[in-house]
Amino acid sequence: MAHEIASYGFCIVPRAEFEALESLDGYGGKNDDLDRANAAALKDRAARWPGAFVLYDPAADDEGLLLCGDDPAELSREALTFID
C-alpha cells in the first residue's frame, strides 16, 4: 500500500525525519525562502497531531495533504480515500 501512495508522489516518513525537513519542493526549488517557509508551516501543522509517522506531499506547499499516525499502512489507506 505504501508503494501505491508513493506512485502519487506522497512520502510516508518517521516523524523525526519529517521534522528534519529544511524545505519542500512545492515551487521546484526556485524560491528557497518560500520552500523553507512552506516546510516550517507544514511542520507546524503536523505538530498538532500525534503519531510516529507523517504522510505528506513533498511537491506541494504548506497546504498540501498531511496525515499523521502510528500505522503507515493506515495512513496510505486514508490518503487514497482523498485521491480516488
Protein backbone atom coordinates (compact mmCIF):
# COMPACT_ATOMS: atom_id res chain seq x y z
CA MET A 1 0.00 0.00 0.00
CA ALA A 2 2.84 2.43 0.79
CA HIS A 3 4.23 1.79 -2.68
CA GLU A 4 0.85 2.68 -4.19
CA ILE A 5 0.70 6.01 -2.37
CA ALA A 6 4.30 6.73 -3.40
CA SER A 7 3.23 6.41 -7.03
CA TYR A 8 1.10 9.53 -6.44
CA GLY A 9 4.16 11.40 -5.17
CA PHE A 10 3.43 11.21 -1.44
CA CYS A 11 6.01 10.28 1.20
CA ILE A 12 5.49 8.42 4.45
CA VAL A 13 8.38 9.00 6.82
CA PRO A 14 9.09 8.68 10.52
CA ARG A 15 8.20 11.88 12.35
CA ALA A 16 11.84 12.59 13.23
CA GLU A 17 12.77 12.52 9.54
CA PHE A 18 9.83 14.80 8.71
CA GLU A 19 10.80 17.26 11.44
CA ALA A 20 14.32 17.42 10.00
CA LEU A 21 13.00 18.73 6.64
CA GLU A 22 14.51 22.05 5.73
CA SER A 23 12.44 22.80 2.62
CA LEU A 24 9.73 21.50 0.31
CA ASP A 25 9.87 21.20 -3.46
CA GLY A 26 6.50 22.89 -3.93
CA TYR A 27 7.95 25.55 -6.16
CA GLY A 28 10.57 23.42 -7.84
CA GLY A 29 13.31 24.71 -5.58
CA LYS A 30 13.25 28.01 -7.47
CA ASN A 31 12.43 30.03 -4.38
CA ASP A 32 14.37 28.55 -1.49
CA ASP A 33 12.99 31.03 1.05
CA LEU A 34 9.42 30.09 0.13
CA ASP A 35 10.24 26.36 0.16
CA ARG A 36 11.74 26.72 3.65
CA ALA A 37 8.73 28.73 4.84
CA ASN A 38 6.36 26.09 3.48
CA ALA A 39 8.29 23.33 5.26
CA ALA A 40 8.14 25.26 8.53
CA ALA A 41 4.39 25.84 8.16
CA LEU A 42 3.79 22.17 7.31
CA LYS A 43 5.78 21.09 10.37
CA ASP A 44 3.66 23.46 12.49
CA ARG A 45 0.51 21.78 11.15
CA ALA A 46 1.92 18.31 11.87
CA ALA A 47 2.82 19.27 15.44
CA ARG A 48 -0.91 19.48 16.25
CA TRP A 49 -1.42 15.76 15.57
CA PRO A 50 0.06 12.71 17.31
CA GLY A 51 1.76 9.83 15.56
CA ALA A 52 5.10 8.29 14.82
CA PHE A 53 4.73 8.70 11.03
CA VAL A 54 3.82 11.55 8.71
CA LEU A 55 2.39 11.30 5.20
CA TYR A 56 2.88 14.42 3.09
CA ASP A 57 3.32 15.63 -0.47
CA PRO A 58 6.88 16.96 -0.92
CA ALA A 59 5.84 18.71 -4.15
CA ALA A 60 3.05 20.69 -2.50
CA ASP A 61 3.06 23.85 -0.49
CA ASP A 62 2.19 24.16 3.19
CA GLU A 63 -1.49 23.46 2.47
CA GLY A 64 -0.85 20.08 0.86
CA LEU A 65 -2.20 16.77 2.14
CA LEU A 66 -0.78 15.94 5.57
CA LEU A 67 -1.68 12.94 7.71
CA CYS A 68 -0.09 11.80 10.98
CA GLY A 69 -0.42 8.45 12.71
CA ASP A 70 1.27 5.36 14.06
CA ASP A 71 0.44 2.96 11.20
CA PRO A 72 1.94 3.73 7.76
CA ALA A 73 -0.49 1.33 6.05
CA GLU A 74 -3.45 3.13 7.60
CA LEU A 75 -2.05 6.49 6.52
CA SER A 76 -1.78 5.16 2.97
CA ARG A 77 -5.37 3.88 3.01
CA GLU A 78 -6.63 7.20 4.35
CA ALA A 79 -4.71 9.22 1.75
CA LEU A 80 -6.08 7.05 -1.05
CA THR A 81 -9.62 7.99 0.00
CA PHE A 82 -8.73 11.61 -0.83
CA ILE A 83 -7.25 10.63 -4.19
CA ASP A 84 -9.70 8.05 -5.51
